[in-house]
Amino acid sequence: HSHLIPGIDDGVKTIYQSAYILEQFE
């Protein structure tokens, strides 16, 4: 459960935000 595809809901706004969070998850 996450909202990491940018620009289609109230989750991350940019690809870079998504990438940073995924990097921390790694």
mmCIF file of all heavy atoms, coordinates in Angstrom:
data_MODEL
# 
_entry.id   MODEL 
# 
loop_
_atom_site.group_PDB 
_atom_site.id 
_atom_site.type_symbol 
_atom_site.label_atom_id 
_atom_site.label_alt_id 
_atom_site.label_comp_id 
_atom_site.label_asym_id 
_atom_site.label_entity_id 
_atom_site.label_seq_id 
_atom_site.pdbx_PDB_ins_code 
_atom_site.Cartn_x 
_atom_site.Cartn_y 
_atom_site.Cartn_z 
_atom_site.occupancy 
_atom_site.B_iso_or_equiv 
_atom_site.pdbx_formal_charge 
_atom_site.auth_seq_id 
_atom_site.auth_comp_id 
_atom_site.auth_asym_id 
_atom_site.auth_atom_id 
_atom_site.pdbx_PDB_model_num 
ATOM 1   N N   . HIS A 1 1  ? 0.846  -1.191 0.000   1.00 0.00 ? 1  HIS A N   1 
ATOM 2   C CA  . HIS A 1 1  ? 0.000  0.000  0.000   1.00 0.00 ? 1  HIS A CA  1 
ATOM 3   C C   . HIS A 1 1  ? 0.881  1.240  0.000   1.00 0.00 ? 1  HIS A C   1 
ATOM 4   O O   . HIS A 1 1  ? 1.563  1.534  0.979   1.00 0.00 ? 1  HIS A O   1 
ATOM 5   C CB  . HIS A 1 1  ? -0.917 0.004  1.225   1.00 0.00 ? 1  HIS A CB  1 
ATOM 6   C CG  . HIS A 1 1  ? -1.938 1.098  1.215   1.00 0.00 ? 1  HIS A CG  1 
ATOM 7   N ND1 . HIS A 1 1  ? -2.925 1.197  2.169   1.00 0.00 ? 1  HIS A ND1 1 
ATOM 8   C CD2 . HIS A 1 1  ? -2.130 2.149  0.373   1.00 0.00 ? 1  HIS A CD2 1 
ATOM 9   C CE1 . HIS A 1 1  ? -3.686 2.253  1.921   1.00 0.00 ? 1  HIS A CE1 1 
ATOM 10  N NE2 . HIS A 1 1  ? -3.204 2.844  0.829   1.00 0.00 ? 1  HIS A NE2 1 
ATOM 11  N N   . SER A 1 2  ? 0.877  1.968  -1.122  1.00 0.00 ? 2  SER A N   1 
ATOM 12  C CA  . SER A 1 2  ? 1.650  3.202  -1.235  1.00 0.00 ? 2  SER A CA  1 
ATOM 13  C C   . SER A 1 2  ? 1.121  4.024  -2.405  1.00 0.00 ? 2  SER A C   1 
ATOM 14  O O   . SER A 1 2  ? 0.326  3.537  -3.215  1.00 0.00 ? 2  SER A O   1 
ATOM 15  C CB  . SER A 1 2  ? 3.139  2.895  -1.446  1.00 0.00 ? 2  SER A CB  1 
ATOM 16  O OG  . SER A 1 2  ? 3.328  2.238  -2.686  1.00 0.00 ? 2  SER A OG  1 
ATOM 17  N N   . HIS A 1 3  ? 1.602  5.259  -2.458  1.00 0.00 ? 3  HIS A N   1 
ATOM 18  C CA  . HIS A 1 3  ? 1.150  6.182  -3.510  1.00 0.00 ? 3  HIS A CA  1 
ATOM 19  C C   . HIS A 1 3  ? 2.385  6.831  -4.130  1.00 0.00 ? 3  HIS A C   1 
ATOM 20  O O   . HIS A 1 3  ? 2.695  8.002  -3.877  1.00 0.00 ? 3  HIS A O   1 
ATOM 21  C CB  . HIS A 1 3  ? 0.172  7.192  -2.919  1.00 0.00 ? 3  HIS A CB  1 
ATOM 22  C CG  . HIS A 1 3  ? -1.052 6.534  -2.352  1.00 0.00 ? 3  HIS A CG  1 
ATOM 23  N ND1 . HIS A 1 3  ? -2.193 6.319  -3.101  1.00 0.00 ? 3  HIS A ND1 1 
ATOM 24  C CD2 . HIS A 1 3  ? -1.289 5.982  -1.144  1.00 0.00 ? 3  HIS A CD2 1 
ATOM 25  C CE1 . HIS A 1 3  ? -3.090 5.678  -2.353  1.00 0.00 ? 3  HIS A CE1 1 
ATOM 26  N NE2 . HIS A 1 3  ? -2.558 5.461  -1.167  1.00 0.00 ? 3  HIS A NE2 1 
ATOM 27  N N   . LEU A 1 4  ? 3.082  6.038  -4.944  1.00 0.00 ? 4  LEU A N   1 
ATOM 28  C CA  . LEU A 1 4  ? 4.396  6.433  -5.452  1.00 0.00 ? 4  LEU A CA  1 
ATOM 29  C C   . LEU A 1 4  ? 4.454  6.617  -6.963  1.00 0.00 ? 4  LEU A C   1 
ATOM 30  O O   . LEU A 1 4  ? 5.535  6.752  -7.532  1.00 0.00 ? 4  LEU A O   1 
ATOM 31  C CB  . LEU A 1 4  ? 5.446  5.398  -5.008  1.00 0.00 ? 4  LEU A CB  1 
ATOM 32  C CG  . LEU A 1 4  ? 5.646  5.279  -3.491  1.00 0.00 ? 4  LEU A CG  1 
ATOM 33  C CD1 . LEU A 1 4  ? 6.678  4.207  -3.168  1.00 0.00 ? 4  LEU A CD1 1 
ATOM 34  C CD2 . LEU A 1 4  ? 6.054  6.620  -2.885  1.00 0.00 ? 4  LEU A CD2 1 
ATOM 35  N N   . ILE A 1 5  ? 3.313  6.621  -7.628  1.00 0.00 ? 5  ILE A N   1 
ATOM 36  C CA  . ILE A 1 5  ? 3.278  6.992  -9.050  1.00 0.00 ? 5  ILE A CA  1 
ATOM 37  C C   . ILE A 1 5  ? 2.920  8.467  -9.115  1.00 0.00 ? 5  ILE A C   1 
ATOM 38  O O   . ILE A 1 5  ? 1.828  8.870  -8.682  1.00 0.00 ? 5  ILE A O   1 
ATOM 39  C CB  . ILE A 1 5  ? 2.259  6.152  -9.839  1.00 0.00 ? 5  ILE A CB  1 
ATOM 40  C CG1 . ILE A 1 5  ? 2.670  4.674  -9.838  1.00 0.00 ? 5  ILE A CG1 1 
ATOM 41  C CG2 . ILE A 1 5  ? 2.151  6.664  -11.274 1.00 0.00 ? 5  ILE A CG2 1 
ATOM 42  C CD1 . ILE A 1 5  ? 1.714  3.771  -10.596 1.00 0.00 ? 5  ILE A CD1 1 
ATOM 43  N N   . PRO A 1 6  ? 3.826  9.298  -9.600  1.00 0.00 ? 6  PRO A N   1 
ATOM 44  C CA  . PRO A 1 6  ? 3.607  10.747 -9.517  1.00 0.00 ? 6  PRO A CA  1 
ATOM 45  C C   . PRO A 1 6  ? 2.477  11.263 -10.402 1.00 0.00 ? 6  PRO A C   1 
ATOM 46  O O   . PRO A 1 6  ? 2.282  10.796 -11.522 1.00 0.00 ? 6  PRO A O   1 
ATOM 47  C CB  . PRO A 1 6  ? 4.958  11.326 -9.966  1.00 0.00 ? 6  PRO A CB  1 
ATOM 48  C CG  . PRO A 1 6  ? 5.590  10.248 -10.774 1.00 0.00 ? 6  PRO A CG  1 
ATOM 49  C CD  . PRO A 1 6  ? 5.129  8.958  -10.177 1.00 0.00 ? 6  PRO A CD  1 
ATOM 50  N N   . GLY A 1 7  ? 1.741  12.210 -9.827  1.00 0.00 ? 7  GLY A N   1 
ATOM 51  C CA  . GLY A 1 7  ? 0.812  13.003 -10.621 1.00 0.00 ? 7  GLY A CA  1 
ATOM 52  C C   . GLY A 1 7  ? -0.561 12.435 -10.873 1.00 0.00 ? 7  GLY A C   1 
ATOM 53  O O   . GLY A 1 7  ? -1.342 13.044 -11.613 1.00 0.00 ? 7  GLY A O   1 
ATOM 54  N N   . ILE A 1 8  ? -0.918 11.279 -10.266 1.00 0.00 ? 8  ILE A N   1 
ATOM 55  C CA  . ILE A 1 8  ? -2.244 10.738 -10.568 1.00 0.00 ? 8  ILE A CA  1 
ATOM 56  C C   . ILE A 1 8  ? -3.155 10.627 -9.342  1.00 0.00 ? 8  ILE A C   1 
ATOM 57  O O   . ILE A 1 8  ? -4.298 10.203 -9.469  1.00 0.00 ? 8  ILE A O   1 
ATOM 58  C CB  . ILE A 1 8  ? -2.161 9.378  -11.299 1.00 0.00 ? 8  ILE A CB  1 
ATOM 59  C CG1 . ILE A 1 8  ? -1.479 8.309  -10.462 1.00 0.00 ? 8  ILE A CG1 1 
ATOM 60  C CG2 . ILE A 1 8  ? -1.452 9.538  -12.634 1.00 0.00 ? 8  ILE A CG2 1 
ATOM 61  C CD1 . ILE A 1 8  ? -1.522 6.937  -11.120 1.00 0.00 ? 8  ILE A CD1 1 
ATOM 62  N N   . ASP A 1 9  ? -2.633 10.974 -8.171  1.00 0.00 ? 9  ASP A N   1 
ATOM 63  C CA  . ASP A 1 9  ? -3.503 11.059 -6.991  1.00 0.00 ? 9  ASP A CA  1 
ATOM 64  C C   . ASP A 1 9  ? -2.856 12.008 -5.989  1.00 0.00 ? 9  ASP A C   1 
ATOM 65  O O   . ASP A 1 9  ? -2.120 12.916 -6.391  1.00 0.00 ? 9  ASP A O   1 
ATOM 66  C CB  . ASP A 1 9  ? -3.806 9.672  -6.403  1.00 0.00 ? 9  ASP A CB  1 
ATOM 67  C CG  . ASP A 1 9  ? -2.587 8.964  -5.815  1.00 0.00 ? 9  ASP A CG  1 
ATOM 68  O OD1 . ASP A 1 9  ? -1.470 9.531  -5.889  1.00 0.00 ? 9  ASP A OD1 1 
ATOM 69  O OD2 . ASP A 1 9  ? -2.737 7.862  -5.280  1.00 0.00 ? 9  ASP A OD2 1 
ATOM 70  N N   . ASP A 1 10 ? -3.092 11.819 -4.708  1.00 0.00 ? 10 ASP A N   1 
ATOM 71  C CA  . ASP A 1 10 ? -2.551 12.732 -3.696  1.00 0.00 ? 10 ASP A CA  1 
ATOM 72  C C   . ASP A 1 10 ? -1.192 12.287 -3.175  1.00 0.00 ? 10 ASP A C   1 
ATOM 73  O O   . ASP A 1 10 ? -0.736 12.761 -2.133  1.00 0.00 ? 10 ASP A O   1 
ATOM 74  C CB  . ASP A 1 10 ? -3.532 12.863 -2.524  1.00 0.00 ? 10 ASP A CB  1 
ATOM 75  C CG  . ASP A 1 10 ? -3.820 11.531 -1.838  1.00 0.00 ? 10 ASP A CG  1 
ATOM 76  O OD1 . ASP A 1 10 ? -3.541 10.470 -2.438  1.00 0.00 ? 10 ASP A OD1 1 
ATOM 77  O OD2 . ASP A 1 10 ? -4.359 11.545 -0.714  1.00 0.00 ? 10 ASP A OD2 1 
ATOM 78  N N   . GLY A 1 11 ? -0.529 11.386 -3.898  1.00 0.00 ? 11 GLY A N   1 
ATOM 79  C CA  . GLY A 1 11 ? 0.774  10.898 -3.494  1.00 0.00 ? 11 GLY A CA  1 
ATOM 80  C C   . GLY A 1 11 ? 1.901  11.782 -3.999  1.00 0.00 ? 11 GLY A C   1 
ATOM 81  O O   . GLY A 1 11 ? 1.756  13.004 -4.090  1.00 0.00 ? 11 GLY A O   1 
ATOM 82  N N   . VAL A 1 12 ? 3.032  11.175 -4.314  1.00 0.00 ? 12 VAL A N   1 
ATOM 83  C CA  . VAL A 1 12 ? 4.203  11.936 -4.753  1.00 0.00 ? 12 VAL A CA  1 
ATOM 84  C C   . VAL A 1 12 ? 3.860  12.771 -5.989  1.00 0.00 ? 12 VAL A C   1 
ATOM 85  O O   . VAL A 1 12 ? 3.008  12.403 -6.789  1.00 0.00 ? 12 VAL A O   1 
ATOM 86  C CB  . VAL A 1 12 ? 5.399  11.010 -5.067  1.00 0.00 ? 12 VAL A CB  1 
ATOM 87  C CG1 . VAL A 1 12 ? 5.879  10.315 -3.810  1.00 0.00 ? 12 VAL A CG1 1 
ATOM 88  C CG2 . VAL A 1 12 ? 5.043  9.997  -6.143  1.00 0.00 ? 12 VAL A CG2 1 
ATOM 89  N N   . LYS A 1 13 ? 4.587  13.895 -6.110  1.00 0.00 ? 13 LYS A N   1 
ATOM 90  C CA  . LYS A 1 13 ? 4.304  14.824 -7.213  1.00 0.00 ? 13 LYS A CA  1 
ATOM 91  C C   . LYS A 1 13 ? 5.258  14.667 -8.392  1.00 0.00 ? 13 LYS A C   1 
ATOM 92  O O   . LYS A 1 13 ? 4.914  15.027 -9.511  1.00 0.00 ? 13 LYS A O   1 
ATOM 93  C CB  . LYS A 1 13 ? 4.373  16.270 -6.696  1.00 0.00 ? 13 LYS A CB  1 
ATOM 94  C CG  . LYS A 1 13 ? 3.436  16.558 -5.534  1.00 0.00 ? 13 LYS A CG  1 
ATOM 95  C CD  . LYS A 1 13 ? 1.987  16.197 -5.855  1.00 0.00 ? 13 LYS A CD  1 
ATOM 96  C CE  . LYS A 1 13 ? 1.079  16.430 -4.657  1.00 0.00 ? 13 LYS A CE  1 
ATOM 97  N NZ  . LYS A 1 13 ? -0.293 15.903 -4.908  1.00 0.00 ? 13 LYS A NZ  1 
ATOM 98  N N   . THR A 1 14 ? 6.465  14.169 -8.121  1.00 0.00 ? 14 THR A N   1 
ATOM 99  C CA  . THR A 1 14 ? 7.452  14.064 -9.194  1.00 0.00 ? 14 THR A CA  1 
ATOM 100 C C   . THR A 1 14 ? 8.117  12.689 -9.185  1.00 0.00 ? 14 THR A C   1 
ATOM 101 O O   . THR A 1 14 ? 8.117  11.981 -8.172  1.00 0.00 ? 14 THR A O   1 
ATOM 102 C CB  . THR A 1 14 ? 8.559  15.129 -9.051  1.00 0.00 ? 14 THR A CB  1 
ATOM 103 O OG1 . THR A 1 14 ? 9.364  14.808 -7.900  1.00 0.00 ? 14 THR A OG1 1 
ATOM 104 C CG2 . THR A 1 14 ? 7.971  16.520 -8.897  1.00 0.00 ? 14 THR A CG2 1 
ATOM 105 N N   . ILE A 1 15 ? 8.731  12.362 -10.302 1.00 0.00 ? 15 ILE A N   1 
ATOM 106 C CA  . ILE A 1 15 ? 9.480  11.117 -10.420 1.00 0.00 ? 15 ILE A CA  1 
ATOM 107 C C   . ILE A 1 15 ? 10.629 11.093 -9.419  1.00 0.00 ? 15 ILE A C   1 
ATOM 108 O O   . ILE A 1 15 ? 10.958 10.054 -8.838  1.00 0.00 ? 15 ILE A O   1 
ATOM 109 C CB  . ILE A 1 15 ? 10.010 10.947 -11.856 1.00 0.00 ? 15 ILE A CB  1 
ATOM 110 C CG1 . ILE A 1 15 ? 8.860  10.520 -12.790 1.00 0.00 ? 15 ILE A CG1 1 
ATOM 111 C CG2 . ILE A 1 15 ? 11.144 9.923  -11.920 1.00 0.00 ? 15 ILE A CG2 1 
ATOM 112 C CD1 . ILE A 1 15 ? 9.236  10.433 -14.242 1.00 0.00 ? 15 ILE A CD1 1 
ATOM 113 N N   . TYR A 1 16 ? 11.239 12.252 -9.182  1.00 0.00 ? 16 TYR A N   1 
ATOM 114 C CA  . TYR A 1 16 ? 12.390 12.308 -8.275  1.00 0.00 ? 16 TYR A CA  1 
ATOM 115 C C   . TYR A 1 16 ? 11.979 12.029 -6.833  1.00 0.00 ? 16 TYR A C   1 
ATOM 116 O O   . TYR A 1 16 ? 12.725 11.403 -6.072  1.00 0.00 ? 16 TYR A O   1 
ATOM 117 C CB  . TYR A 1 16 ? 13.070 13.679 -8.399  1.00 0.00 ? 16 TYR A CB  1 
ATOM 118 C CG  . TYR A 1 16 ? 13.583 13.930 -9.795  1.00 0.00 ? 16 TYR A CG  1 
ATOM 119 C CD1 . TYR A 1 16 ? 12.892 14.775 -10.663 1.00 0.00 ? 16 TYR A CD1 1 
ATOM 120 C CD2 . TYR A 1 16 ? 14.720 13.277 -10.274 1.00 0.00 ? 16 TYR A CD2 1 
ATOM 121 C CE1 . TYR A 1 16 ? 13.349 14.978 -11.968 1.00 0.00 ? 16 TYR A CE1 1 
ATOM 122 C CE2 . TYR A 1 16 ? 15.181 13.469 -11.571 1.00 0.00 ? 16 TYR A CE2 1 
ATOM 123 C CZ  . TYR A 1 16 ? 14.491 14.320 -12.408 1.00 0.00 ? 16 TYR A CZ  1 
ATOM 124 O OH  . TYR A 1 16 ? 14.929 14.505 -13.696 1.00 0.00 ? 16 TYR A OH  1 
ATOM 125 N N   . GLN A 1 17 ? 10.782 12.474 -6.454  1.00 0.00 ? 17 GLN A N   1 
ATOM 126 C CA  . GLN A 1 17 ? 10.279 12.162 -5.115  1.00 0.00 ? 17 GLN A CA  1 
ATOM 127 C C   . GLN A 1 17 ? 10.051 10.662 -4.977  1.00 0.00 ? 17 GLN A C   1 
ATOM 128 O O   . GLN A 1 17 ? 10.421 10.050 -3.967  1.00 0.00 ? 17 GLN A O   1 
ATOM 129 C CB  . GLN A 1 17 ? 8.981  12.929 -4.852  1.00 0.00 ? 17 GLN A CB  1 
ATOM 130 C CG  . GLN A 1 17 ? 9.170  14.420 -4.684  1.00 0.00 ? 17 GLN A CG  1 
ATOM 131 C CD  . GLN A 1 17 ? 7.840  15.168 -4.568  1.00 0.00 ? 17 GLN A CD  1 
ATOM 132 O OE1 . GLN A 1 17 ? 6.763  14.573 -4.665  1.00 0.00 ? 17 GLN A OE1 1 
ATOM 133 N NE2 . GLN A 1 17 ? 7.918  16.474 -4.374  1.00 0.00 ? 17 GLN A NE2 1 
ATOM 134 N N   . SER A 1 18 ? 9.462  10.082 -5.985  1.00 0.00 ? 18 SER A N   1 
ATOM 135 C CA  . SER A 1 18 ? 9.230  8.644  -5.978  1.00 0.00 ? 18 SER A CA  1 
ATOM 136 C C   . SER A 1 18 ? 10.547 7.884  -5.910  1.00 0.00 ? 18 SER A C   1 
ATOM 137 O O   . SER A 1 18 ? 10.704 6.946  -5.117  1.00 0.00 ? 18 SER A O   1 
ATOM 138 C CB  . SER A 1 18 ? 8.463  8.233  -7.235  1.00 0.00 ? 18 SER A CB  1 
ATOM 139 O OG  . SER A 1 18 ? 8.214  6.851  -7.251  1.00 0.00 ? 18 SER A OG  1 
ATOM 140 N N   . ALA A 1 19 ? 11.512 8.300  -6.719  1.00 0.00 ? 19 ALA A N   1 
ATOM 141 C CA  . ALA A 1 19 ? 12.804 7.623  -6.763  1.00 0.00 ? 19 ALA A CA  1 
ATOM 142 C C   . ALA A 1 19 ? 13.513 7.707  -5.417  1.00 0.00 ? 19 ALA A C   1 
ATOM 143 O O   . ALA A 1 19 ? 14.125 6.726  -4.967  1.00 0.00 ? 19 ALA A O   1 
ATOM 144 C CB  . ALA A 1 19 ? 13.681 8.228  -7.855  1.00 0.00 ? 19 ALA A CB  1 
ATOM 145 N N   . TYR A 1 20 ? 13.450 8.849  -4.760  1.00 0.00 ? 20 TYR A N   1 
ATOM 146 C CA  . TYR A 1 20 ? 14.118 9.008  -3.464  1.00 0.00 ? 20 TYR A CA  1 
ATOM 147 C C   . TYR A 1 20 ? 13.520 8.055  -2.425  1.00 0.00 ? 20 TYR A C   1 
ATOM 148 O O   . TYR A 1 20 ? 14.246 7.393  -1.672  1.00 0.00 ? 20 TYR A O   1 
ATOM 149 C CB  . TYR A 1 20 ? 14.017 10.447 -2.976  1.00 0.00 ? 20 TYR A CB  1 
ATOM 150 C CG  . TYR A 1 20 ? 14.663 10.640 -1.616  1.00 0.00 ? 20 TYR A CG  1 
ATOM 151 C CD1 . TYR A 1 20 ? 16.048 10.737 -1.491  1.00 0.00 ? 20 TYR A CD1 1 
ATOM 152 C CD2 . TYR A 1 20 ? 13.885 10.694 -0.463  1.00 0.00 ? 20 TYR A CD2 1 
ATOM 153 C CE1 . TYR A 1 20 ? 16.642 10.878 -0.246  1.00 0.00 ? 20 TYR A CE1 1 
ATOM 154 C CE2 . TYR A 1 20 ? 14.476 10.832 0.788   1.00 0.00 ? 20 TYR A CE2 1 
ATOM 155 C CZ  . TYR A 1 20 ? 15.857 10.937 0.884   1.00 0.00 ? 20 TYR A CZ  1 
ATOM 156 O OH  . TYR A 1 20 ? 16.435 11.069 2.125   1.00 0.00 ? 20 TYR A OH  1 
ATOM 157 N N   . ILE A 1 21 ? 12.189 8.001  -2.392  1.00 0.00 ? 21 ILE A N   1 
ATOM 158 C CA  . ILE A 1 21 ? 11.527 7.119  -1.421  1.00 0.00 ? 21 ILE A CA  1 
ATOM 159 C C   . ILE A 1 21 ? 11.859 5.663  -1.709  1.00 0.00 ? 21 ILE A C   1 
ATOM 160 O O   . ILE A 1 21 ? 12.164 4.880  -0.801  1.00 0.00 ? 21 ILE A O   1 
ATOM 161 C CB  . ILE A 1 21 ? 10.004 7.359  -1.429  1.00 0.00 ? 21 ILE A CB  1 
ATOM 162 C CG1 . ILE A 1 21 ? 9.686  8.750  -0.846  1.00 0.00 ? 21 ILE A CG1 1 
ATOM 163 C CG2 . ILE A 1 21 ? 9.274  6.281  -0.626  1.00 0.00 ? 21 ILE A CG2 1 
ATOM 164 C CD1 . ILE A 1 21 ? 8.241  9.177  -0.985  1.00 0.00 ? 21 ILE A CD1 1 
ATOM 165 N N   . LEU A 1 22 ? 11.841 5.289  -2.967  1.00 0.00 ? 22 LEU A N   1 
ATOM 166 C CA  . LEU A 1 22 ? 12.187 3.909  -3.335  1.00 0.00 ? 22 LEU A CA  1 
ATOM 167 C C   . LEU A 1 22 ? 13.640 3.591  -2.991  1.00 0.00 ? 22 LEU A C   1 
ATOM 168 O O   . LEU A 1 22 ? 13.959 2.472  -2.562  1.00 0.00 ? 22 LEU A O   1 
ATOM 169 C CB  . LEU A 1 22 ? 11.929 3.682  -4.825  1.00 0.00 ? 22 LEU A CB  1 
ATOM 170 C CG  . LEU A 1 22 ? 10.450 3.628  -5.225  1.00 0.00 ? 22 LEU A CG  1 
ATOM 171 C CD1 . LEU A 1 22 ? 10.306 3.671  -6.743  1.00 0.00 ? 22 LEU A CD1 1 
ATOM 172 C CD2 . LEU A 1 22 ? 9.782  2.372  -4.677  1.00 0.00 ? 22 LEU A CD2 1 
ATOM 173 N N   . GLU A 1 23 ? 14.511 4.576  -3.148  1.00 0.00 ? 23 GLU A N   1 
ATOM 174 C CA  . GLU A 1 23 ? 15.912 4.391  -2.783  1.00 0.00 ? 23 GLU A CA  1 
ATOM 175 C C   . GLU A 1 23 ? 16.053 4.114  -1.277  1.00 0.00 ? 23 GLU A C   1 
ATOM 176 O O   . GLU A 1 23 ? 16.816 3.232  -0.866  1.00 0.00 ? 23 GLU A O   1 
ATOM 177 C CB  . GLU A 1 23 ? 16.718 5.630  -3.146  1.00 0.00 ? 23 GLU A CB  1 
ATOM 178 C CG  . GLU A 1 23 ? 18.196 5.522  -2.826  1.00 0.00 ? 23 GLU A CG  1 
ATOM 179 C CD  . GLU A 1 23 ? 18.956 6.778  -3.195  1.00 0.00 ? 23 GLU A CD  1 
ATOM 180 O OE1 . GLU A 1 23 ? 18.415 7.891  -2.996  1.00 0.00 ? 23 GLU A OE1 1 
ATOM 181 O OE2 . GLU A 1 23 ? 20.106 6.661  -3.666  1.00 0.00 ? 23 GLU A OE2 1 
ATOM 182 N N   . GLN A 1 24 ? 15.302 4.850  -0.468  1.00 0.00 ? 24 GLN A N   1 
ATOM 183 C CA  . GLN A 1 24 ? 15.336 4.633  0.979   1.00 0.00 ? 24 GLN A CA  1 
ATOM 184 C C   . GLN A 1 24 ? 14.736 3.273  1.333   1.00 0.00 ? 24 GLN A C   1 
ATOM 185 O O   . GLN A 1 24 ? 15.222 2.593  2.243   1.00 0.00 ? 24 GLN A O   1 
ATOM 186 C CB  . GLN A 1 24 ? 14.585 5.754  1.704   1.00 0.00 ? 24 GLN A CB  1 
ATOM 187 C CG  . GLN A 1 24 ? 15.127 7.147  1.450   1.00 0.00 ? 24 GLN A CG  1 
ATOM 188 C CD  . GLN A 1 24 ? 16.642 7.223  1.574   1.00 0.00 ? 24 GLN A CD  1 
ATOM 189 O OE1 . GLN A 1 24 ? 17.213 6.878  2.606   1.00 0.00 ? 24 GLN A OE1 1 
ATOM 190 N NE2 . GLN A 1 24 ? 17.298 7.665  0.512   1.00 0.00 ? 24 GLN A NE2 1 
ATOM 191 N N   . PHE A 1 25 ? 13.704 2.878  0.604   1.00 0.00 ? 25 PHE A N   1 
ATOM 192 C CA  . PHE A 1 25 ? 13.117 1.551  0.819   1.00 0.00 ? 25 PHE A CA  1 
ATOM 193 C C   . PHE A 1 25 ? 14.137 0.455  0.511   1.00 0.00 ? 25 PHE A C   1 
ATOM 194 O O   . PHE A 1 25 ? 14.210 -0.560 1.207   1.00 0.00 ? 25 PHE A O   1 
ATOM 195 C CB  . PHE A 1 25 ? 11.870 1.377  -0.053  1.00 0.00 ? 25 PHE A CB  1 
ATOM 196 C CG  . PHE A 1 25 ? 10.598 1.916  0.563   1.00 0.00 ? 25 PHE A CG  1 
ATOM 197 C CD1 . PHE A 1 25 ? 10.630 2.744  1.657   1.00 0.00 ? 25 PHE A CD1 1 
ATOM 198 C CD2 . PHE A 1 25 ? 9.365  1.575  0.037   1.00 0.00 ? 25 PHE A CD2 1 
ATOM 199 C CE1 . PHE A 1 25 ? 9.464  3.232  2.231   1.00 0.00 ? 25 PHE A CE1 1 
ATOM 200 C CE2 . PHE A 1 25 ? 8.186  2.048  0.597   1.00 0.00 ? 25 PHE A CE2 1 
ATOM 201 C CZ  . PHE A 1 25 ? 8.237  2.882  1.703   1.00 0.00 ? 25 PHE A CZ  1 
ATOM 202 N N   . GLU A 1 26 ? 14.915 0.647  -0.555  1.00 0.00 ? 26 GLU A N   1 
ATOM 203 C CA  . GLU A 1 26 ? 15.966 -0.315 -0.884  1.00 0.00 ? 26 GLU A CA  1 
ATOM 204 C C   . GLU A 1 26 ? 16.924 -0.482 0.292   1.00 0.00 ? 26 GLU A C   1 
ATOM 205 O O   . GLU A 1 26 ? 17.313 -1.597 0.648   1.00 0.00 ? 26 GLU A O   1 
ATOM 206 C CB  . GLU A 1 26 ? 16.759 0.164  -2.106  1.00 0.00 ? 26 GLU A CB  1 
ATOM 207 C CG  . GLU A 1 26 ? 16.136 -0.187 -3.437  1.00 0.00 ? 26 GLU A CG  1 
ATOM 208 C CD  . GLU A 1 26 ? 17.077 0.084  -4.602  1.00 0.00 ? 26 GLU A CD  1 
ATOM 209 O OE1 . GLU A 1 26 ? 18.117 0.744  -4.393  1.00 0.00 ? 26 GLU A OE1 1 
ATOM 210 O OE2 . GLU A 1 26 ? 16.778 -0.365 -5.714  1.00 0.00 ? 26 GLU A OE2 1 
# 
